[in-house]
Amino acid sequence: MIRFSSILRRYSVPCVLIRVEETWNSVGEAIKQETKKPMIMPILPIDAKLLQTEGGRYMATDKAIYSKLPLAKGDLIEHKGGKHTIDEEVDYSEYADFNKYIAKRVSTHG
């Protein structure tokens, strides 16, 4: 396995990981609880090849996020005033000490 910690650290930026977890109260009602955790990780534009091959699924405003911490589909990443939701995981665990995630920009309209 290749260790990329020093490279990831070099290109990391501050952001906030937002997770929404659902729990149930004593009468069976769902309660959503949001937790925010400050993070530092690389957040980069997605590459042009992915934009072309996915046929409109991803936009230039979407991001590629590299993380040693496991992220889950639906997690939100807040960075520079914008939010992106984790849409897809690319598993690199067999080769490296991180995973790549594709995150779609969350619309600020409506």
PDB file of N, CA and C in Angstrom:
ATOM      1  N   MET A   1       0.849  -1.179   0.000  1.00  0.00           N
ATOM      2  CA  MET A   1       0.000   0.000   0.000  1.00  0.00           C
ATOM      3  C   MET A   1       0.889   1.235   0.000  1.00  0.00           C
ATOM      4  N   ILE A   2       0.522   2.199  -0.796  1.00  0.00           N
ATOM      5  CA  ILE A   2       1.257   3.451  -0.876  1.00  0.00           C
ATOM      6  C   ILE A   2       0.675   4.427   0.143  1.00  0.00           C
ATOM      7  N   ARG A   3       1.545   5.105   0.879  1.00  0.00           N
ATOM      8  CA  ARG A   3       1.115   6.088   1.882  1.00  0.00           C
ATOM      9  C   ARG A   3       1.169   7.490   1.267  1.00  0.00           C
ATOM     10  N   PHE A   4       0.011   8.143   1.231  1.00  0.00           N
ATOM     11  CA  PHE A   4      -0.105   9.450   0.604  1.00  0.00           C
ATOM     12  C   PHE A   4      -0.325  10.579   1.618  1.00  0.00           C
ATOM     13  N   SER A   5      -0.141  10.312   2.897  1.00  0.00           N
ATOM     14  CA  SER A   5      -0.463  11.295   3.933  1.00  0.00           C
ATOM     15  C   SER A   5       0.188  12.646   3.707  1.00  0.00           C
ATOM     16  N   SER A   6       1.473  12.673   3.361  1.00  0.00           N
ATOM     17  CA  SER A   6       2.157  13.956   3.194  1.00  0.00           C
ATOM     18  C   SER A   6       1.613  14.726   1.987  1.00  0.00           C
ATOM     19  N   ILE A   7       1.266  14.019   0.916  1.00  0.00           N
ATOM     20  CA  ILE A   7       0.703  14.681  -0.265  1.00  0.00           C
ATOM     21  C   ILE A   7      -0.689  15.214   0.040  1.00  0.00           C
ATOM     22  N   LEU A   8      -1.512  14.404   0.709  1.00  0.00           N
ATOM     23  CA  LEU A   8      -2.859  14.857   1.067  1.00  0.00           C
ATOM     24  C   LEU A   8      -2.788  16.089   1.960  1.00  0.00           C
ATOM     25  N   ARG A   9      -1.883  16.078   2.922  1.00  0.00           N
ATOM     26  CA  ARG A   9      -1.746  17.196   3.844  1.00  0.00           C
ATOM     27  C   ARG A   9      -1.358  18.481   3.093  1.00  0.00           C
ATOM     28  N   ARG A  10      -0.494  18.368   2.109  1.00  0.00           N
ATOM     29  CA  ARG A  10      -0.008  19.520   1.344  1.00  0.00           C
ATOM     30  C   ARG A  10      -1.147  20.232   0.606  1.00  0.00           C
ATOM     31  N   TYR A  11      -2.131  19.483   0.121  1.00  0.00           N
ATOM     32  CA  TYR A  11      -3.213  20.064  -0.680  1.00  0.00           C
ATOM     33  C   TYR A  11      -4.529  20.192   0.088  1.00  0.00           C
ATOM     34  N   SER A  12      -4.484  20.011   1.380  1.00  0.00           N
ATOM     35  CA  SER A  12      -5.692  20.066   2.197  1.00  0.00           C
ATOM     36  C   SER A  12      -6.116  21.498   2.505  1.00  0.00           C
ATOM     37  N   VAL A  13      -7.418  21.669   2.634  1.00  0.00           N
ATOM     38  CA  VAL A  13      -8.003  22.967   2.968  1.00  0.00           C
ATOM     39  C   VAL A  13      -9.002  22.767   4.110  1.00  0.00           C
ATOM     40  N   PRO A  14      -9.255  23.818   4.890  1.00  0.00           N
ATOM     41  CA  PRO A  14     -10.241  23.687   5.965  1.00  0.00           C
ATOM     42  C   PRO A  14     -11.656  23.562   5.405  1.00  0.00           C
ATOM     43  N   CYS A  15     -12.449  22.736   6.048  1.00  0.00           N
ATOM     44  CA  CYS A  15     -13.846  22.537   5.671  1.00  0.00           C
ATOM     45  C   CYS A  15     -14.601  22.014   6.890  1.00  0.00           C
ATOM     46  N   VAL A  16     -15.883  21.791   6.728  1.00  0.00           N
ATOM     47  CA  VAL A  16     -16.705  21.254   7.812  1.00  0.00           C
ATOM     48  C   VAL A  16     -17.471  20.049   7.276  1.00  0.00           C
ATOM     49  N   LEU A  17     -17.365  18.934   7.987  1.00  0.00           N
ATOM     50  CA  LEU A  17     -18.139  17.732   7.671  1.00  0.00           C
ATOM     51  C   LEU A  17     -19.445  17.810   8.445  1.00  0.00           C
ATOM     52  N   ILE A  18     -20.566  17.713   7.737  1.00  0.00           N
ATOM     53  CA  ILE A  18     -21.888  17.764   8.365  1.00  0.00           C
ATOM     54  C   ILE A  18     -22.554  16.414   8.145  1.00  0.00           C
ATOM     55  N   ARG A  19     -22.874  15.750   9.247  1.00  0.00           N
ATOM     56  CA  ARG A  19     -23.573  14.461   9.172  1.00  0.00           C
ATOM     57  C   ARG A  19     -24.936  14.601   9.823  1.00  0.00           C
ATOM     58  N   VAL A  20     -25.940  14.081   9.143  1.00  0.00           N
ATOM     59  CA  VAL A  20     -27.290  14.069   9.694  1.00  0.00           C
ATOM     60  C   VAL A  20     -27.624  12.622  10.034  1.00  0.00           C
ATOM     61  N   GLU A  21     -27.866  12.394  11.312  1.00  0.00           N
ATOM     62  CA  GLU A  21     -28.207  11.044  11.763  1.00  0.00           C
ATOM     63  C   GLU A  21     -29.627  11.037  12.294  1.00  0.00           C
ATOM     64  N   GLU A  22     -30.302   9.947  12.033  1.00  0.00           N
ATOM     65  CA  GLU A  22     -31.691   9.823  12.458  1.00  0.00           C
ATOM     66  C   GLU A  22     -31.768   8.858  13.634  1.00  0.00           C
ATOM     67  N   THR A  23     -32.373   9.309  14.703  1.00  0.00           N
ATOM     68  CA  THR A  23     -32.618   8.452  15.863  1.00  0.00           C
ATOM     69  C   THR A  23     -34.114   8.448  16.140  1.00  0.00           C
ATOM     70  N   TRP A  24     -34.527   7.583  17.016  1.00  0.00           N
ATOM     71  CA  TRP A  24     -35.951   7.448  17.328  1.00  0.00           C
ATOM     72  C   TRP A  24     -36.174   7.750  18.798  1.00  0.00           C
ATOM     73  N   ASN A  25     -37.236   8.501  19.098  1.00  0.00           N
ATOM     74  CA  ASN A  25     -37.554   8.780  20.497  1.00  0.00           C
ATOM     75  C   ASN A  25     -38.423   7.662  21.069  1.00  0.00           C
ATOM     76  N   SER A  26     -38.850   7.807  22.309  1.00  0.00           N
ATOM     77  CA  SER A  26     -39.582   6.740  23.007  1.00  0.00           C
ATOM     78  C   SER A  26     -40.951   6.429  22.411  1.00  0.00           C
ATOM     79  N   VAL A  27     -41.537   7.347  21.638  1.00  0.00           N
ATOM     80  CA  VAL A  27     -42.841   7.099  21.020  1.00  0.00           C
ATOM     81  C   VAL A  27     -42.716   6.730  19.543  1.00  0.00           C
ATOM     82  N   GLY A  28     -41.493   6.498  19.086  1.00  0.00           N
ATOM     83  CA  GLY A  28     -41.275   6.038  17.724  1.00  0.00           C
ATOM     84  C   GLY A  28     -41.176   7.112  16.663  1.00  0.00           C
ATOM     85  N   GLU A  29     -41.008   8.362  17.078  1.00  0.00           N
ATOM     86  CA  GLU A  29     -40.863   9.448  16.119  1.00  0.00           C
ATOM     87  C   GLU A  29     -39.391   9.608  15.733  1.00  0.00           C
ATOM     88  N   ALA A  30     -39.162   9.847  14.463  1.00  0.00           N
ATOM     89  CA  ALA A  30     -37.799  10.049  13.976  1.00  0.00           C
ATOM     90  C   ALA A  30     -37.315  11.450  14.356  1.00  0.00           C
ATOM     91  N   ILE A  31     -36.099  11.510  14.866  1.00  0.00           N
ATOM     92  CA  ILE A  31     -35.480  12.781  15.228  1.00  0.00           C
ATOM     93  C   ILE A  31     -34.163  12.874  14.470  1.00  0.00           C
ATOM     94  N   LYS A  32     -34.032  13.940  13.675  1.00  0.00           N
ATOM     95  CA  LYS A  32     -32.797  14.134  12.922  1.00  0.00           C
ATOM     96  C   LYS A  32     -31.857  15.009  13.743  1.00  0.00           C
ATOM     97  N   GLN A  33     -30.613  14.549  13.839  1.00  0.00           N
ATOM     98  CA  GLN A  33     -29.607  15.288  14.589  1.00  0.00           C
ATOM     99  C   GLN A  33     -28.424  15.569  13.677  1.00  0.00           C
ATOM    100  N   GLU A  34     -28.059  16.835  13.592  1.00  0.00           N
ATOM    101  CA  GLU A  34     -26.959  17.258  12.726  1.00  0.00           C
ATOM    102  C   GLU A  34     -25.707  17.482  13.570  1.00  0.00           C
ATOM    103  N   THR A  35     -24.600  16.874  13.152  1.00  0.00           N
ATOM    104  CA  THR A  35     -23.330  17.101  13.827  1.00  0.00           C
ATOM    105  C   THR A  35     -22.362  17.724  12.828  1.00  0.00           C
ATOM    106  N   LYS A  36     -21.602  18.695  13.310  1.00  0.00           N
ATOM    107  CA  LYS A  36     -20.613  19.378  12.474  1.00  0.00           C
ATOM    108  C   LYS A  36     -19.229  19.112  13.048  1.00  0.00           C
ATOM    109  N   LYS A  37     -18.303  18.769  12.147  1.00  0.00           N
ATOM    110  CA  LYS A  37     -16.938  18.473  12.576  1.00  0.00           C
ATOM    111  C   LYS A  37     -15.963  19.224  11.665  1.00  0.00           C
ATOM    112  N   PRO A  38     -15.148  20.128  12.221  1.00  0.00           N
ATOM    113  CA  PRO A  38     -14.134  20.797  11.399  1.00  0.00           C
ATOM    114  C   PRO A  38     -13.127  19.773  10.877  1.00  0.00           C
ATOM    115  N   MET A  39     -12.770  19.896   9.616  1.00  0.00           N
ATOM    116  CA  MET A  39     -11.855  18.954   8.976  1.00  0.00           C
ATOM    117  C   MET A  39     -10.837  19.726   8.142  1.00  0.00           C
ATOM    118  N   ILE A  40      -9.801  19.012   7.729  1.00  0.00           N
ATOM    119  CA  ILE A  40      -8.843  19.520   6.764  1.00  0.00           C
ATOM    120  C   ILE A  40      -8.603  18.382   5.781  1.00  0.00           C
ATOM    121  N   MET A  41      -8.979  18.595   4.503  1.00  0.00           N
ATOM    122  CA  MET A  41      -8.786  17.565   3.484  1.00  0.00           C
ATOM    123  C   MET A  41      -8.752  18.203   2.097  1.00  0.00           C
ATOM    124  N   PRO A  42      -8.158  17.501   1.119  1.00  0.00           N
ATOM    125  CA  PRO A  42      -8.122  18.046  -0.246  1.00  0.00           C
ATOM    126  C   PRO A  42      -9.513  18.072  -0.875  1.00  0.00           C
ATOM    127  N   ILE A  43      -9.884  19.228  -1.417  1.00  0.00           N
ATOM    128  CA  ILE A  43     -11.136  19.400  -2.149  1.00  0.00           C
ATOM    129  C   ILE A  43     -10.752  20.011  -3.489  1.00  0.00           C
ATOM    130  N   LEU A  44     -10.929  19.241  -4.557  1.00  0.00           N
ATOM    131  CA  LEU A  44     -10.454  19.644  -5.878  1.00  0.00           C
ATOM    132  C   LEU A  44     -11.581  19.599  -6.903  1.00  0.00           C
ATOM    133  N   PRO A  45     -11.422  20.326  -8.009  1.00  0.00           N
ATOM    134  CA  PRO A  45     -12.413  20.208  -9.093  1.00  0.00           C
ATOM    135  C   PRO A  45     -12.375  18.786  -9.659  1.00  0.00           C
ATOM    136  N   ILE A  46     -13.519  18.300 -10.140  1.00  0.00           N
ATOM    137  CA  ILE A  46     -13.496  16.983 -10.772  1.00  0.00           C
ATOM    138  C   ILE A  46     -12.861  17.122 -12.153  1.00  0.00           C
ATOM    139  N   ASP A  47     -12.262  16.044 -12.613  1.00  0.00           N
ATOM    140  CA  ASP A  47     -11.516  16.132 -13.869  1.00  0.00           C
ATOM    141  C   ASP A  47     -12.444  16.143 -15.087  1.00  0.00           C
ATOM    142  N   ALA A  48     -11.923  16.696 -16.173  1.00  0.00           N
ATOM    143  CA  ALA A  48     -12.693  16.859 -17.407  1.00  0.00           C
ATOM    144  C   ALA A  48     -13.149  15.523 -17.977  1.00  0.00           C
ATOM    145  N   LYS A  49     -12.347  14.485 -17.815  1.00  0.00           N
ATOM    146  CA  LYS A  49     -12.714  13.166 -18.335  1.00  0.00           C
ATOM    147  C   LYS A  49     -13.988  12.651 -17.664  1.00  0.00           C
ATOM    148  N   LEU A  50     -14.094  12.835 -16.348  1.00  0.00           N
ATOM    149  CA  LEU A  50     -15.297  12.414 -15.636  1.00  0.00           C
ATOM    150  C   LEU A  50     -16.504  13.231 -16.100  1.00  0.00           C
ATOM    151  N   LEU A  51     -16.318  14.520 -16.303  1.00  0.00           N
ATOM    152  CA  LEU A  51     -17.415  15.354 -16.800  1.00  0.00           C
ATOM    153  C   LEU A  51     -17.937  14.845 -18.139  1.00  0.00           C
ATOM    154  N   GLN A  52     -17.029  14.435 -19.025  1.00  0.00           N
ATOM    155  CA  GLN A  52     -17.417  13.962 -20.354  1.00  0.00           C
ATOM    156  C   GLN A  52     -18.041  12.576 -20.314  1.00  0.00           C
ATOM    157  N   THR A  53     -17.464  11.666 -19.558  1.00  0.00           N
ATOM    158  CA  THR A  53     -17.940  10.278 -19.579  1.00  0.00           C
ATOM    159  C   THR A  53     -19.263  10.090 -18.851  1.00  0.00           C
ATOM    160  N   GLU A  54     -19.575  10.959 -17.920  1.00  0.00           N
ATOM    161  CA  GLU A  54     -20.821  10.797 -17.167  1.00  0.00           C
ATOM    162  C   GLU A  54     -22.013  11.470 -17.831  1.00  0.00           C
ATOM    163  N   GLY A  55     -21.822  12.111 -18.950  1.00  0.00           N
ATOM    164  CA  GLY A  55     -22.928  12.641 -19.750  1.00  0.00           C
ATOM    165  C   GLY A  55     -23.882  13.562 -19.022  1.00  0.00           C
ATOM    166  N   GLY A  56     -23.372  14.522 -18.292  1.00  0.00           N
ATOM    167  CA  GLY A  56     -24.231  15.494 -17.631  1.00  0.00           C
ATOM    168  C   GLY A  56     -24.573  15.174 -16.193  1.00  0.00           C
ATOM    169  N   ARG A  57     -24.143  14.025 -15.693  1.00  0.00           N
ATOM    170  CA  ARG A  57     -24.418  13.683 -14.289  1.00  0.00           C
ATOM    171  C   ARG A  57     -23.686  14.619 -13.335  1.00  0.00           C
ATOM    172  N   TYR A  58     -22.467  15.011 -13.729  1.00  0.00           N
ATOM    173  CA  TYR A  58     -21.675  15.914 -12.908  1.00  0.00           C
ATOM    174  C   TYR A  58     -21.451  17.227 -13.633  1.00  0.00           C
ATOM    175  N   MET A  59     -21.286  18.283 -12.851  1.00  0.00           N
ATOM    176  CA  MET A  59     -21.085  19.630 -13.379  1.00  0.00           C
ATOM    177  C   MET A  59     -19.709  20.127 -12.951  1.00  0.00           C
ATOM    178  N   ALA A  60     -19.266  21.209 -13.549  1.00  0.00           N
ATOM    179  CA  ALA A  60     -17.963  21.790 -13.213  1.00  0.00           C
ATOM    180  C   ALA A  60     -17.919  22.287 -11.772  1.00  0.00           C
ATOM    181  N   THR A  61     -19.068  22.523 -11.154  1.00  0.00           N
ATOM    182  CA  THR A  61     -19.112  22.991  -9.764  1.00  0.00           C
ATOM    183  C   THR A  61     -19.007  21.851  -8.750  1.00  0.00           C
ATOM    184  N   ASP A  62     -19.057  20.609  -9.207  1.00  0.00           N
ATOM    185  CA  ASP A  62     -18.923  19.460  -8.321  1.00  0.00           C
ATOM    186  C   ASP A  62     -17.449  19.265  -7.967  1.00  0.00           C
ATOM    187  N   LYS A  63     -17.166  18.491  -6.923  1.00  0.00           N
ATOM    188  CA  LYS A  63     -15.804  18.375  -6.405  1.00  0.00           C
ATOM    189  C   LYS A  63     -15.376  16.922  -6.231  1.00  0.00           C
ATOM    190  N   ALA A  64     -14.056  16.737  -6.259  1.00  0.00           N
ATOM    191  CA  ALA A  64     -13.433  15.468  -5.879  1.00  0.00           C
ATOM    192  C   ALA A  64     -12.818  15.705  -4.503  1.00  0.00           C
ATOM    193  N   ILE A  65     -13.133  14.835  -3.562  1.00  0.00           N
ATOM    194  CA  ILE A  65     -12.651  14.976  -2.190  1.00  0.00           C
ATOM    195  C   ILE A  65     -11.866  13.725  -1.837  1.00  0.00           C
ATOM    196  N   TYR A  66     -10.697  13.914  -1.272  1.00  0.00           N
ATOM    197  CA  TYR A  66      -9.839  12.803  -0.873  1.00  0.00           C
ATOM    198  C   TYR A  66      -9.782  12.788   0.646  1.00  0.00           C
ATOM    199  N   SER A  67     -10.034  11.613   1.242  1.00  0.00           N
ATOM    200  CA  SER A  67     -10.106  11.560   2.693  1.00  0.00           C
ATOM    201  C   SER A  67      -9.602  10.228   3.229  1.00  0.00           C
ATOM    202  N   LYS A  68      -8.873  10.298   4.337  1.00  0.00           N
ATOM    203  CA  LYS A  68      -8.490   9.092   5.061  1.00  0.00           C
ATOM    204  C   LYS A  68      -9.648   8.644   5.961  1.00  0.00           C
ATOM    205  N   LEU A  69     -10.477   9.594   6.358  1.00  0.00           N
ATOM    206  CA  LEU A  69     -11.662   9.310   7.169  1.00  0.00           C
ATOM    207  C   LEU A  69     -12.771   8.801   6.252  1.00  0.00           C
ATOM    208  N   PRO A  70     -13.407   7.697   6.593  1.00  0.00           N
ATOM    209  CA  PRO A  70     -14.513   7.218   5.748  1.00  0.00           C
ATOM    210  C   PRO A  70     -15.670   8.222   5.736  1.00  0.00           C
ATOM    211  N   LEU A  71     -16.140   8.541   4.556  1.00  0.00           N
ATOM    212  CA  LEU A  71     -17.307   9.397   4.389  1.00  0.00           C
ATOM    213  C   LEU A  71     -18.446   8.536   3.865  1.00  0.00           C
ATOM    214  N   ALA A  72     -19.667   8.984   4.071  1.00  0.00           N
ATOM    215  CA  ALA A  72     -20.834   8.211   3.645  1.00  0.00           C
ATOM    216  C   ALA A  72     -21.643   9.007   2.633  1.00  0.00           C
ATOM    217  N   LYS A  73     -22.320   8.286   1.759  1.00  0.00           N
ATOM    218  CA  LYS A  73     -23.208   8.938   0.799  1.00  0.00           C
ATOM    219  C   LYS A  73     -24.216   9.778   1.578  1.00  0.00           C
ATOM    220  N   GLY A  74     -24.352  11.022   1.183  1.00  0.00           N
ATOM    221  CA  GLY A  74     -25.265  11.926   1.870  1.00  0.00           C
ATOM    222  C   GLY A  74     -24.579  12.868   2.853  1.00  0.00           C
ATOM    223  N   ASP A  75     -23.335  12.569   3.255  1.00  0.00           N
ATOM    224  CA  ASP A  75     -22.597  13.509   4.098  1.00  0.00           C
ATOM    225  C   ASP A  75     -22.438  14.818   3.354  1.00  0.00           C
ATOM    226  N   LEU A  76     -22.459  15.918   4.078  1.00  0.00           N
ATOM    227  CA  LEU A  76     -22.270  17.237   3.483  1.00  0.00           C
ATOM    228  C   LEU A  76     -20.888  17.768   3.834  1.00  0.00           C
ATOM    229  N   ILE A  77     -20.257  18.415   2.876  1.00  0.00           N
ATOM    230  CA  ILE A  77     -18.989  19.086   3.093  1.00  0.00           C
ATOM    231  C   ILE A  77     -19.214  20.567   2.824  1.00  0.00           C
ATOM    232  N   GLU A  78     -18.946  21.392   3.812  1.00  0.00           N
ATOM    233  CA  GLU A  78     -19.093  22.832   3.671  1.00  0.00           C
ATOM    234  C   GLU A  78     -17.701  23.436   3.488  1.00  0.00           C
ATOM    235  N   HIS A  79     -17.543  24.206   2.399  1.00  0.00           N
ATOM    236  CA  HIS A  79     -16.238  24.770   2.069  1.00  0.00           C
ATOM    237  C   HIS A  79     -16.424  26.079   1.317  1.00  0.00           C
ATOM    238  N   LYS A  80     -15.792  27.129   1.786  1.00  0.00           N
ATOM    239  CA  LYS A  80     -15.859  28.457   1.155  1.00  0.00           C
ATOM    240  C   LYS A  80     -17.294  28.915   0.900  1.00  0.00           C
ATOM    241  N   GLY A  81     -18.163  28.709   1.868  1.00  0.00           N
ATOM    242  CA  GLY A  81     -19.545  29.173   1.768  1.00  0.00           C
ATOM    243  C   GLY A  81     -20.473  28.291   0.958  1.00  0.00           C
ATOM    244  N   GLY A  82     -19.952  27.253   0.311  1.00  0.00           N
ATOM    245  CA  GLY A  82     -20.790  26.337  -0.470  1.00  0.00           C
ATOM    246  C   GLY A  82     -20.871  24.975   0.194  1.00  0.00           C
ATOM    247  N   LYS A  83     -21.871  24.209  -0.166  1.00  0.00           N
ATOM    248  CA  LYS A  83     -22.036  22.853   0.365  1.00  0.00           C
ATOM    249  C   LYS A  83     -22.055  21.855  -0.773  1.00  0.00           C
ATOM    250  N   HIS A  84     -21.444  20.706  -0.529  1.00  0.00           N
ATOM    251  CA  HIS A  84     -21.421  19.598  -1.485  1.00  0.00           C
ATOM    252  C   HIS A  84     -21.823  18.333  -0.741  1.00  0.00           C
ATOM    253  N   THR A  85     -22.617  17.502  -1.377  1.00  0.00           N
ATOM    254  CA  THR A  85     -23.041  16.249  -0.759  1.00  0.00           C
ATOM    255  C   THR A  85     -22.308  15.082  -1.419  1.00  0.00           C
ATOM    256  N   ILE A  86     -21.852  14.146  -0.603  1.00  0.00           N
ATOM    257  CA  ILE A  86     -21.128  12.985  -1.114  1.00  0.00           C
ATOM    258  C   ILE A  86     -22.094  12.145  -1.938  1.00  0.00           C
ATOM    259  N   ASP A  87     -21.712  11.889  -3.196  1.00  0.00           N
ATOM    260  CA  ASP A  87     -22.564  11.160  -4.131  1.00  0.00           C
ATOM    261  C   ASP A  87     -22.009   9.785  -4.474  1.00  0.00           C
ATOM    262  N   GLU A  88     -20.683   9.668  -4.501  1.00  0.00           N
ATOM    263  CA  GLU A  88     -20.069   8.425  -4.959  1.00  0.00           C
ATOM    264  C   GLU A  88     -18.711   8.238  -4.286  1.00  0.00           C
ATOM    265  N   GLU A  89     -18.375   7.000  -3.971  1.00  0.00           N
ATOM    266  CA  GLU A  89     -17.069   6.668  -3.410  1.00  0.00           C
ATOM    267  C   GLU A  89     -16.265   5.878  -4.431  1.00  0.00           C
ATOM    268  N   VAL A  90     -14.994   6.233  -4.574  1.00  0.00           N
ATOM    269  CA  VAL A  90     -14.066   5.463  -5.394  1.00  0.00           C
ATOM    270  C   VAL A  90     -13.092   4.820  -4.416  1.00  0.00           C
ATOM    271  N   ASP A  91     -13.154   3.510  -4.274  1.00  0.00           N
ATOM    272  CA  ASP A  91     -12.388   2.795  -3.263  1.00  0.00           C
ATOM    273  C   ASP A  91     -10.948   2.575  -3.718  1.00  0.00           C
ATOM    274  N   TYR A  92     -10.026   3.228  -3.046  1.00  0.00           N
ATOM    275  CA  TYR A  92      -8.595   3.060  -3.315  1.00  0.00           C
ATOM    276  C   TYR A  92      -7.911   2.270  -2.195  1.00  0.00           C
ATOM    277  N   SER A  93      -8.668   1.724  -1.245  1.00  0.00           N
ATOM    278  CA  SER A  93      -8.091   1.122  -0.046  1.00  0.00           C
ATOM    279  C   SER A  93      -7.135  -0.034  -0.326  1.00  0.00           C
ATOM    280  N   GLU A  94      -7.264  -0.691  -1.453  1.00  0.00           N
ATOM    281  CA  GLU A  94      -6.353  -1.781  -1.789  1.00  0.00           C
ATOM    282  C   GLU A  94      -4.963  -1.261  -2.135  1.00  0.00           C
ATOM    283  N   TYR A  95      -4.892  -0.023  -2.617  1.00  0.00           N
ATOM    284  CA  TYR A  95      -3.633   0.529  -3.097  1.00  0.00           C
ATOM    285  C   TYR A  95      -3.088   1.679  -2.250  1.00  0.00           C
ATOM    286  N   ALA A  96      -3.955   2.381  -1.552  1.00  0.00           N
ATOM    287  CA  ALA A  96      -3.542   3.610  -0.876  1.00  0.00           C
ATOM    288  C   ALA A  96      -4.250   3.744   0.473  1.00  0.00           C
ATOM    289  N   ASP A  97      -3.831   4.730   1.236  1.00  0.00           N
ATOM    290  CA  ASP A  97      -4.391   4.950   2.570  1.00  0.00           C
ATOM    291  C   ASP A  97      -5.480   6.030   2.581  1.00  0.00           C
ATOM    292  N   PHE A  98      -6.208   6.170   1.469  1.00  0.00           N
ATOM    293  CA  PHE A  98      -7.296   7.139   1.375  1.00  0.00           C
ATOM    294  C   PHE A  98      -8.335   6.636   0.380  1.00  0.00           C
ATOM    295  N   ASN A  99      -9.476   7.302   0.342  1.00  0.00           N
ATOM    296  CA  ASN A  99     -10.493   7.064  -0.681  1.00  0.00           C
ATOM    297  C   ASN A  99     -10.830   8.385  -1.349  1.00  0.00           C
ATOM    298  N   LYS A 100     -11.332   8.298  -2.558  1.00  0.00           N
ATOM    299  CA  LYS A 100     -11.770   9.469  -3.313  1.00  0.00           C
ATOM    300  C   LYS A 100     -13.295   9.470  -3.305  1.00  0.00           C
ATOM    301  N   TYR A 101     -13.862  10.653  -3.154  1.00  0.00           N
ATOM    302  CA  TYR A 101     -15.312  10.813  -3.153  1.00  0.00           C
ATOM    303  C   TYR A 101     -15.685  11.885  -4.173  1.00  0.00           C
ATOM    304  N   ILE A 102     -16.763  11.658  -4.879  1.00  0.00           N
ATOM    305  CA  ILE A 102     -17.316  12.661  -5.785  1.00  0.00           C
ATOM    306  C   ILE A 102     -18.481  13.315  -5.042  1.00  0.00           C
ATOM    307  N   ALA A 103     -18.434  14.645  -4.967  1.00  0.00           N
ATOM    308  CA  ALA A 103     -19.453  15.393  -4.223  1.00  0.00           C
ATOM    309  C   ALA A 103     -20.152  16.379  -5.150  1.00  0.00           C
ATOM    310  N   LYS A 104     -21.476  16.336  -5.130  1.00  0.00           N
ATOM    311  CA  LYS A 104     -22.281  17.233  -5.968  1.00  0.00           C
ATOM    312  C   LYS A 104     -22.610  18.498  -5.167  1.00  0.00           C
ATOM    313  N   ARG A 105     -22.561  19.614  -5.878  1.00  0.00           N
ATOM    314  CA  ARG A 105     -22.878  20.890  -5.228  1.00  0.00           C
ATOM    315  C   ARG A 105     -24.347  20.917  -4.849  1.00  0.00           C
ATOM    316  N   VAL A 106     -24.605  21.409  -3.645  1.00  0.00           N
ATOM    317  CA  VAL A 106     -25.976  21.544  -3.166  1.00  0.00           C
ATOM    318  C   VAL A 106     -26.504  22.886  -3.648  1.00  0.00           C
ATOM    319  N   SER A 107     -27.664  22.874  -4.281  1.00  0.00           N
ATOM    320  CA  SER A 107     -28.265  24.093  -4.814  1.00  0.00           C
ATOM    321  C   SER A 107     -28.616  25.045  -3.686  1.00  0.00           C
ATOM    322  N   THR A 108     -28.386  26.306  -3.922  1.00  0.00           N
ATOM    323  CA  THR A 108     -28.749  27.331  -2.926  1.00  0.00           C
ATOM    324  C   THR A 108     -30.111  27.945  -3.234  1.00  0.00           C
ATOM    325  N   HIS A 109     -30.756  27.461  -4.287  1.00  0.00           N
ATOM    326  CA  HIS A 109     -32.076  27.995  -4.669  1.00  0.00           C
ATOM    327  C   HIS A 109     -33.186  27.146  -4.063  1.00  0.00           C
ATOM    328  N   GLY A 110     -34.243  27.800  -3.660  1.00  0.00           N
ATOM    329  CA  GLY A 110     -35.427  27.103  -3.196  1.00  0.00           C
ATOM    330  C   GLY A 110     -35.220  26.515  -1.875  1.00  0.00           C
TER     331      GLY A 110
END
